[in-house]
PDB file of all heavy atoms in Angstrom:
ATOM      1  N   ASP A   1      91.308  82.789 107.793  1.00  0.00           N
ATOM      2  CA  ASP A   1      91.489  83.091 109.205  1.00  0.00           C
ATOM      3  C   ASP A   1      90.234  83.821 109.688  1.00  0.00           C
ATOM      4  O   ASP A   1      89.243  83.907 108.970  1.00  0.00           O
ATOM      5  CB  ASP A   1      92.774  83.888 109.443  1.00  0.00           C
ATOM      6  CG  ASP A   1      92.792  85.221 108.698  1.00  0.00           C
ATOM      7  OD1 ASP A   1      91.714  85.785 108.412  1.00  0.00           O
ATOM      8  OD2 ASP A   1      93.898  85.708 108.406  1.00  0.00           O
ATOM      9  N   ASN A   2      90.257  84.363 110.899  1.00  0.00           N
ATOM     10  CA  ASN A   2      89.060  84.985 111.451  1.00  0.00           C
ATOM     11  C   ASN A   2      89.033  86.506 111.324  1.00  0.00           C
ATOM     12  O   ASN A   2      88.280  87.174 112.026  1.00  0.00           O
ATOM     13  CB  ASN A   2      88.861  84.576 112.908  1.00  0.00           C
ATOM     14  CG  ASN A   2      89.923  85.148 113.828  1.00  0.00           C
ATOM     15  OD1 ASN A   2      90.952  85.656 113.383  1.00  0.00           O
ATOM     16  ND2 ASN A   2      89.677  85.066 115.123  1.00  0.00           N
ATOM     17  N   VAL A   3      89.831  87.068 110.434  1.00  0.00           N
ATOM     18  CA  VAL A   3      89.814  88.511 110.212  1.00  0.00           C
ATOM     19  C   VAL A   3      88.630  88.825 109.295  1.00  0.00           C
ATOM     20  O   VAL A   3      88.550  88.304 108.184  1.00  0.00           O
ATOM     21  CB  VAL A   3      91.142  89.002 109.592  1.00  0.00           C
ATOM     22  CG1 VAL A   3      91.064  90.486 109.287  1.00  0.00           C
ATOM     23  CG2 VAL A   3      92.312  88.691 110.523  1.00  0.00           C
ATOM     24  N   GLY A   4      87.704  89.630 109.767  1.00  0.00           N
ATOM     25  CA  GLY A   4      86.505  89.955 109.002  1.00  0.00           C
ATOM     26  C   GLY A   4      85.308  89.170 109.496  1.00  0.00           C
ATOM     27  O   GLY A   4      85.415  88.299 110.364  1.00  0.00           O
ATOM     28  N   SER A   5      84.162  89.462 108.917  1.00  0.00           N
ATOM     29  CA  SER A   5      82.924  88.819 109.361  1.00  0.00           C
ATOM     30  C   SER A   5      82.830  87.383 108.853  1.00  0.00           C
ATOM     31  O   SER A   5      83.477  87.010 107.866  1.00  0.00           O
ATOM     32  CB  SER A   5      81.713  89.611 108.867  1.00  0.00           C
ATOM     33  OG  SER A   5      81.548  89.430 107.468  1.00  0.00           O
ATOM     34  N   ARG A   6      82.004  86.602 109.508  1.00  0.00           N
ATOM     35  CA  ARG A   6      81.800  85.210 109.112  1.00  0.00           C
ATOM     36  C   ARG A   6      81.256  85.138 107.692  1.00  0.00           C
ATOM     37  O   ARG A   6      81.739  84.356 106.869  1.00  0.00           O
ATOM     38  CB  ARG A   6      80.850  84.523 110.088  1.00  0.00           C
ATOM     39  CG  ARG A   6      80.636  83.058 109.766  1.00  0.00           C
ATOM     40  CD  ARG A   6      79.760  82.369 110.823  1.00  0.00           C
ATOM     41  NE  ARG A   6      79.713  80.947 110.580  1.00  0.00           N
ATOM     42  CZ  ARG A   6      78.894  80.369 109.708  1.00  0.00           C
ATOM     43  NH1 ARG A   6      78.053  81.104 109.007  1.00  0.00           N
ATOM     44  NH2 ARG A   6      78.912  79.063 109.527  1.00  0.00           N
ATOM     45  N   GLU A   7      80.251  85.936 107.384  1.00  0.00           N
ATOM     46  CA  GLU A   7      79.630  85.909 106.060  1.00  0.00           C
ATOM     47  C   GLU A   7      80.630  86.283 104.974  1.00  0.00           C
ATOM     48  O   GLU A   7      80.680  85.649 103.924  1.00  0.00           O
ATOM     49  CB  GLU A   7      78.426  86.861 106.001  1.00  0.00           C
ATOM     50  CG  GLU A   7      77.266  86.462 106.893  1.00  0.00           C
ATOM     51  CD  GLU A   7      77.500  86.779 108.369  1.00  0.00           C
ATOM     52  OE1 GLU A   7      78.319  87.683 108.690  1.00  0.00           O
ATOM     53  OE2 GLU A   7      76.895  86.094 109.215  1.00  0.00           O
ATOM     54  N   TYR A   8      81.422  87.305 105.241  1.00  0.00           N
ATOM     55  CA  TYR A   8      82.410  87.730 104.244  1.00  0.00           C
ATOM     56  C   TYR A   8      83.431  86.621 103.988  1.00  0.00           C
ATOM     57  O   TYR A   8      83.781  86.326 102.845  1.00  0.00           O
ATOM     58  CB  TYR A   8      83.113  89.021 104.671  1.00  0.00           C
ATOM     59  CG  TYR A   8      84.079  89.471 103.608  1.00  0.00           C
ATOM     60  CD1 TYR A   8      83.621  90.174 102.497  1.00  0.00           C
ATOM     61  CD2 TYR A   8      85.426  89.140 103.672  1.00  0.00           C
ATOM     62  CE1 TYR A   8      84.494  90.554 101.485  1.00  0.00           C
ATOM     63  CE2 TYR A   8      86.299  89.510 102.664  1.00  0.00           C
ATOM     64  CZ  TYR A   8      85.824  90.220 101.582  1.00  0.00           C
ATOM     65  OH  TYR A   8      86.685  90.585 100.583  1.00  0.00           O
ATOM     66  N   ASN A   9      83.914  86.002 105.054  1.00  0.00           N
ATOM     67  CA  ASN A   9      84.924  84.958 104.906  1.00  0.00           C
ATOM     68  C   ASN A   9      84.362  83.699 104.248  1.00  0.00           C
ATOM     69  O   ASN A   9      85.081  83.016 103.521  1.00  0.00           O
ATOM     70  CB  ASN A   9      85.572  84.641 106.251  1.00  0.00           C
ATOM     71  CG  ASN A   9      86.674  85.619 106.578  1.00  0.00           C
ATOM     72  OD1 ASN A   9      87.703  85.635 105.933  1.00  0.00           O
ATOM     73  ND2 ASN A   9      86.437  86.473 107.568  1.00  0.00           N
ATOM     74  N   LEU A  10      83.095  83.394 104.477  1.00  0.00           N
ATOM     75  CA  LEU A  10      82.480  82.272 103.770  1.00  0.00           C
ATOM     76  C   LEU A  10      82.481  82.541 102.266  1.00  0.00           C
ATOM     77  O   LEU A  10      82.822  81.663 101.469  1.00  0.00           O
ATOM     78  CB  LEU A  10      81.054  82.038 104.268  1.00  0.00           C
ATOM     79  CG  LEU A  10      80.926  81.354 105.628  1.00  0.00           C
ATOM     80  CD1 LEU A  10      79.471  81.376 106.102  1.00  0.00           C
ATOM     81  CD2 LEU A  10      81.444  79.922 105.565  1.00  0.00           C
ATOM     82  N   ASP A  11      82.107  83.750 101.883  1.00  0.00           N
ATOM     83  CA  ASP A  11      82.093  84.111 100.463  1.00  0.00           C
ATOM     84  C   ASP A  11      83.508  84.109  99.879  1.00  0.00           C
ATOM     85  O   ASP A  11      83.736  83.564  98.797  1.00  0.00           O
ATOM     86  CB  ASP A  11      81.448  85.488 100.281  1.00  0.00           C
ATOM     87  CG  ASP A  11      81.479  85.940  98.825  1.00  0.00           C
ATOM     88  OD1 ASP A  11      80.827  85.292  97.981  1.00  0.00           O
ATOM     89  OD2 ASP A  11      82.185  86.940  98.537  1.00  0.00           O
ATOM     90  N   LEU A  12      84.463  84.704 100.585  1.00  0.00           N
ATOM     91  CA  LEU A  12      85.845  84.761 100.102  1.00  0.00           C
ATOM     92  C   LEU A  12      86.420  83.354  99.935  1.00  0.00           C
ATOM     93  O   LEU A  12      87.048  83.038  98.912  1.00  0.00           O
ATOM     94  CB  LEU A  12      86.715  85.569 101.069  1.00  0.00           C
ATOM     95  CG  LEU A  12      88.198  85.688 100.718  1.00  0.00           C
ATOM     96  CD1 LEU A  12      88.396  86.393  99.384  1.00  0.00           C
ATOM     97  CD2 LEU A  12      88.943  86.421 101.839  1.00  0.00           C
ATOM     98  N   SER A  13      86.184  82.478 100.899  1.00  0.00           N
ATOM     99  CA  SER A  13      86.728  81.121 100.803  1.00  0.00           C
ATOM    100  C   SER A  13      86.073  80.346  99.658  1.00  0.00           C
ATOM    101  O   SER A  13      86.735  79.558  98.979  1.00  0.00           O
ATOM    102  CB  SER A  13      86.568  80.382 102.133  1.00  0.00           C
ATOM    103  OG  SER A  13      85.211  80.255 102.504  1.00  0.00           O
ATOM    104  N   GLN A  14      84.806  80.599  99.390  1.00  0.00           N
ATOM    105  CA  GLN A  14      84.120  79.958  98.266  1.00  0.00           C
ATOM    106  C   GLN A  14      84.717  80.444  96.941  1.00  0.00           C
ATOM    107  O   GLN A  14      84.973  79.641  96.035  1.00  0.00           O
ATOM    108  CB  GLN A  14      82.618  80.262  98.317  1.00  0.00           C
ATOM    109  CG  GLN A  14      81.816  79.626  97.213  1.00  0.00           C
ATOM    110  CD  GLN A  14      81.589  78.136  97.401  1.00  0.00           C
ATOM    111  OE1 GLN A  14      81.683  77.621  98.508  1.00  0.00           O
ATOM    112  NE2 GLN A  14      81.288  77.443  96.323  1.00  0.00           N
ATOM    113  N   ARG A  15      84.957  81.757  96.836  1.00  0.00           N
ATOM    114  CA  ARG A  15      85.539  82.305  95.605  1.00  0.00           C
ATOM    115  C   ARG A  15      86.954  81.793  95.382  1.00  0.00           C
ATOM    116  O   ARG A  15      87.358  81.518  94.241  1.00  0.00           O
ATOM    117  CB  ARG A  15      85.516  83.837  95.638  1.00  0.00           C
ATOM    118  CG  ARG A  15      84.123  84.418  95.517  1.00  0.00           C
ATOM    119  CD  ARG A  15      84.102  85.937  95.420  1.00  0.00           C
ATOM    120  NE  ARG A  15      84.468  86.540  96.692  1.00  0.00           N
ATOM    121  CZ  ARG A  15      85.439  87.449  96.854  1.00  0.00           C
ATOM    122  NH1 ARG A  15      86.147  87.872  95.823  1.00  0.00           N
ATOM    123  NH2 ARG A  15      85.712  87.957  98.042  1.00  0.00           N
ATOM    124  N   ARG A  16      87.716  81.615  96.432  1.00  0.00           N
ATOM    125  CA  ARG A  16      89.076  81.087  96.298  1.00  0.00           C
ATOM    126  C   ARG A  16      89.060  79.623  95.873  1.00  0.00           C
ATOM    127  O   ARG A  16      89.859  79.208  95.032  1.00  0.00           O
ATOM    128  CB  ARG A  16      89.855  81.281  97.596  1.00  0.00           C
ATOM    129  CG  ARG A  16      90.222  82.745  97.812  1.00  0.00           C
ATOM    130  CD  ARG A  16      90.955  82.974  99.096  1.00  0.00           C
ATOM    131  NE  ARG A  16      91.452  84.347  99.172  1.00  0.00           N
ATOM    132  CZ  ARG A  16      92.137  84.837 100.195  1.00  0.00           C
ATOM    133  NH1 ARG A  16      92.425  84.062 101.235  1.00  0.00           N
ATOM    134  NH2 ARG A  16      92.552  86.085 100.179  1.00  0.00           N
ATOM    135  N   ALA A  17      88.144  78.836  96.419  1.00  0.00           N
ATOM    136  CA  ALA A  17      88.000  77.447  95.981  1.00  0.00           C
ATOM    137  C   ALA A  17      87.615  77.403  94.501  1.00  0.00           C
ATOM    138  O   ALA A  17      88.125  76.577  93.740  1.00  0.00           O
ATOM    139  CB  ALA A  17      86.963  76.728  96.843  1.00  0.00           C
ATOM    140  N   GLN A  18      86.748  78.318  94.079  1.00  0.00           N
ATOM    141  CA  GLN A  18      86.336  78.402  92.674  1.00  0.00           C
ATOM    142  C   GLN A  18      87.538  78.731  91.783  1.00  0.00           C
ATOM    143  O   GLN A  18      87.691  78.155  90.706  1.00  0.00           O
ATOM    144  CB  GLN A  18      85.261  79.468  92.496  1.00  0.00           C
ATOM    145  CG  GLN A  18      84.812  79.688  91.062  1.00  0.00           C
ATOM    146  CD  GLN A  18      84.022  78.519  90.509  1.00  0.00           C
ATOM    147  OE1 GLN A  18      83.088  78.060  91.148  1.00  0.00           O
ATOM    148  NE2 GLN A  18      84.396  78.038  89.331  1.00  0.00           N
ATOM    149  N   THR A  19      88.396  79.616  92.242  1.00  0.00           N
ATOM    150  CA  THR A  19      89.587  79.974  91.473  1.00  0.00           C
ATOM    151  C   THR A  19      90.475  78.755  91.255  1.00  0.00           C
ATOM    152  O   THR A  19      90.997  78.545  90.159  1.00  0.00           O
ATOM    153  CB  THR A  19      90.373  81.096  92.192  1.00  0.00           C
ATOM    154  OG1 THR A  19      89.548  82.260  92.261  1.00  0.00           O
ATOM    155  CG2 THR A  19      91.667  81.428  91.485  1.00  0.00           C
ATOM    156  N   VAL A  20      90.640  77.941  92.301  1.00  0.00           N
ATOM    157  CA  VAL A  20      91.463  76.736  92.178  1.00  0.00           C
ATOM    158  C   VAL A  20      90.819  75.767  91.182  1.00  0.00           C
ATOM    159  O   VAL A  20      91.503  75.219  90.314  1.00  0.00           O
ATOM    160  CB  VAL A  20      91.676  76.073  93.556  1.00  0.00           C
ATOM    161  CG1 VAL A  20      92.352  74.712  93.418  1.00  0.00           C
ATOM    162  CG2 VAL A  20      92.512  76.990  94.449  1.00  0.00           C
ATOM    163  N   ARG A  21      89.503  75.574  91.281  1.00  0.00           N
ATOM    164  CA  ARG A  21      88.834  74.679  90.328  1.00  0.00           C
ATOM    165  C   ARG A  21      88.976  75.206  88.899  1.00  0.00           C
ATOM    166  O   ARG A  21      89.235  74.440  87.975  1.00  0.00           O
ATOM    167  CB  ARG A  21      87.360  74.495  90.670  1.00  0.00           C
ATOM    168  CG  ARG A  21      86.697  73.494  89.695  1.00  0.00           C
ATOM    169  CD  ARG A  21      85.314  73.116  90.054  1.00  0.00           C
ATOM    170  NE  ARG A  21      84.407  74.209  89.753  1.00  0.00           N
ATOM    171  CZ  ARG A  21      83.095  74.132  89.926  1.00  0.00           C
ATOM    172  NH1 ARG A  21      82.543  73.038  90.420  1.00  0.00           N
ATOM    173  NH2 ARG A  21      82.326  75.153  89.628  1.00  0.00           N
ATOM    174  N   ASP A  22      88.812  76.515  88.719  1.00  0.00           N
ATOM    175  CA  ASP A  22      88.960  77.096  87.381  1.00  0.00           C
ATOM    176  C   ASP A  22      90.356  76.855  86.831  1.00  0.00           C
ATOM    177  O   ASP A  22      90.523  76.562  85.646  1.00  0.00           O
ATOM    178  CB  ASP A  22      88.653  78.598  87.409  1.00  0.00           C
ATOM    179  CG  ASP A  22      87.186  78.903  87.684  1.00  0.00           C
ATOM    180  OD1 ASP A  22      86.344  77.970  87.621  1.00  0.00           O
ATOM    181  OD2 ASP A  22      86.883  80.081  87.978  1.00  0.00           O
ATOM    182  N   TYR A  23      91.376  76.980  87.674  1.00  0.00           N
ATOM    183  CA  TYR A  23      92.755  76.742  87.253  1.00  0.00           C
ATOM    184  C   TYR A  23      92.919  75.291  86.797  1.00  0.00           C
ATOM    185  O   TYR A  23      93.473  75.022  85.739  1.00  0.00           O
ATOM    186  CB  TYR A  23      93.723  77.058  88.396  1.00  0.00           C
ATOM    187  CG  TYR A  23      95.178  76.942  88.004  1.00  0.00           C
ATOM    188  CD1 TYR A  23      95.891  78.060  87.600  1.00  0.00           C
ATOM    189  CD2 TYR A  23      95.841  75.716  88.035  1.00  0.00           C
ATOM    190  CE1 TYR A  23      97.229  77.961  87.228  1.00  0.00           C
ATOM    191  CE2 TYR A  23      97.172  75.611  87.667  1.00  0.00           C
ATOM    192  CZ  TYR A  23      97.859  76.736  87.269  1.00  0.00           C
ATOM    193  OH  TYR A  23      99.172  76.628  86.907  1.00  0.00           O
ATOM    194  N   LEU A  24      92.441  74.354  87.609  1.00  0.00           N
ATOM    195  CA  LEU A  24      92.565  72.938  87.255  1.00  0.00           C
ATOM    196  C   LEU A  24      91.803  72.631  85.966  1.00  0.00           C
ATOM    197  O   LEU A  24      92.277  71.859  85.124  1.00  0.00           O
ATOM    198  CB  LEU A  24      92.062  72.060  88.397  1.00  0.00           C
ATOM    199  CG  LEU A  24      92.839  72.163  89.725  1.00  0.00           C
ATOM    200  CD1 LEU A  24      92.177  71.321  90.799  1.00  0.00           C
ATOM    201  CD2 LEU A  24      94.290  71.793  89.567  1.00  0.00           C
ATOM    202  N   SER A  25      90.657  73.254  85.792  1.00  0.00           N
ATOM    203  CA  SER A  25      89.866  73.053  84.577  1.00  0.00           C
ATOM    204  C   SER A  25      90.606  73.540  83.338  1.00  0.00           C
ATOM    205  O   SER A  25      90.491  72.938  82.267  1.00  0.00           O
ATOM    206  CB  SER A  25      88.520  73.769  84.696  1.00  0.00           C
ATOM    207  OG  SER A  25      87.739  73.176  85.711  1.00  0.00           O
ATOM    208  N   LEU A  26      91.379  74.624  83.483  1.00  0.00           N
ATOM    209  CA  LEU A  26      92.168  75.133  82.360  1.00  0.00           C
ATOM    210  C   LEU A  26      93.148  74.090  81.834  1.00  0.00           C
ATOM    211  O   LEU A  26      93.526  74.117  80.673  1.00  0.00           O
ATOM    212  CB  LEU A  26      92.958  76.376  82.773  1.00  0.00           C
ATOM    213  CG  LEU A  26      92.189  77.676  82.903  1.00  0.00           C
ATOM    214  CD1 LEU A  26      93.090  78.759  83.494  1.00  0.00           C
ATOM    215  CD2 LEU A  26      91.659  78.115  81.550  1.00  0.00           C
ATOM    216  N   TYR A  27      93.556  73.181  82.700  1.00  0.00           N
ATOM    217  CA  TYR A  27      94.521  72.153  82.325  1.00  0.00           C
ATOM    218  C   TYR A  27      93.850  70.814  82.045  1.00  0.00           C
ATOM    219  O   TYR A  27      94.481  69.762  82.114  1.00  0.00           O
ATOM    220  CB  TYR A  27      95.610  72.034  83.395  1.00  0.00           C
ATOM    221  CG  TYR A  27      96.523  73.230  83.360  1.00  0.00           C
ATOM    222  CD1 TYR A  27      96.224  74.375  84.089  1.00  0.00           C
ATOM    223  CD2 TYR A  27      97.643  73.243  82.538  1.00  0.00           C
ATOM    224  CE1 TYR A  27      97.036  75.501  84.014  1.00  0.00           C
ATOM    225  CE2 TYR A  27      98.465  74.354  82.467  1.00  0.00           C
ATOM    226  CZ  TYR A  27      98.150  75.479  83.205  1.00  0.00           C
ATOM    227  OH  TYR A  27      98.953  76.589  83.132  1.00  0.00           O
ATOM    228  N   GLY A  28      92.558  70.856  81.726  1.00  0.00           N
ATOM    229  CA  GLY A  28      91.867  69.676  81.253  1.00  0.00           C
ATOM    230  C   GLY A  28      91.229  68.802  82.307  1.00  0.00           C
ATOM    231  O   GLY A  28      90.766  67.701  82.000  1.00  0.00           O
ATOM    232  N   ILE A  29      91.195  69.246  83.551  1.00  0.00           N
ATOM    233  CA  ILE A  29      90.551  68.454  84.591  1.00  0.00           C
ATOM    234  C   ILE A  29      89.047  68.720  84.521  1.00  0.00           C
ATOM    235  O   ILE A  29      88.607  69.867  84.601  1.00  0.00           O
ATOM    236  CB  ILE A  29      91.096  68.800  85.999  1.00  0.00           C
ATOM    237  CG1 ILE A  29      92.631  68.705  86.033  1.00  0.00           C
ATOM    238  CG2 ILE A  29      90.453  67.912  87.053  1.00  0.00           C
ATOM    239  CD1 ILE A  29      93.213  67.379  85.606  1.00  0.00           C
ATOM    240  N   ASP A  30      88.258  67.658  84.359  1.00  0.00           N
ATOM    241  CA  ASP A  30      86.811  67.773  84.233  1.00  0.00           C
ATOM    242  C   ASP A  30      86.228  68.344  85.534  1.00  0.00           C
ATOM    243  O   ASP A  30      86.433  67.780  86.614  1.00  0.00           O
ATOM    244  CB  ASP A  30      86.229  66.393  83.945  1.00  0.00           C
ATOM    245  CG  ASP A  30      84.741  66.422  83.651  1.00  0.00           C
ATOM    246  OD1 ASP A  30      84.077  67.441  83.914  1.00  0.00           O
ATOM    247  OD2 ASP A  30      84.244  65.398  83.165  1.00  0.00           O
TER     248      ASP A  30
END
C-alpha cells in the first residue's frame, strides 16, 4: 500500500517477493 516512502516500499516489496521465492525453492522449485 502507500504507507511509507516510495523507496522503502520498493525495498519491502522486493524482500517479500524474495521470501516467497525462497519458500517455493525449499519445496524443490528451481
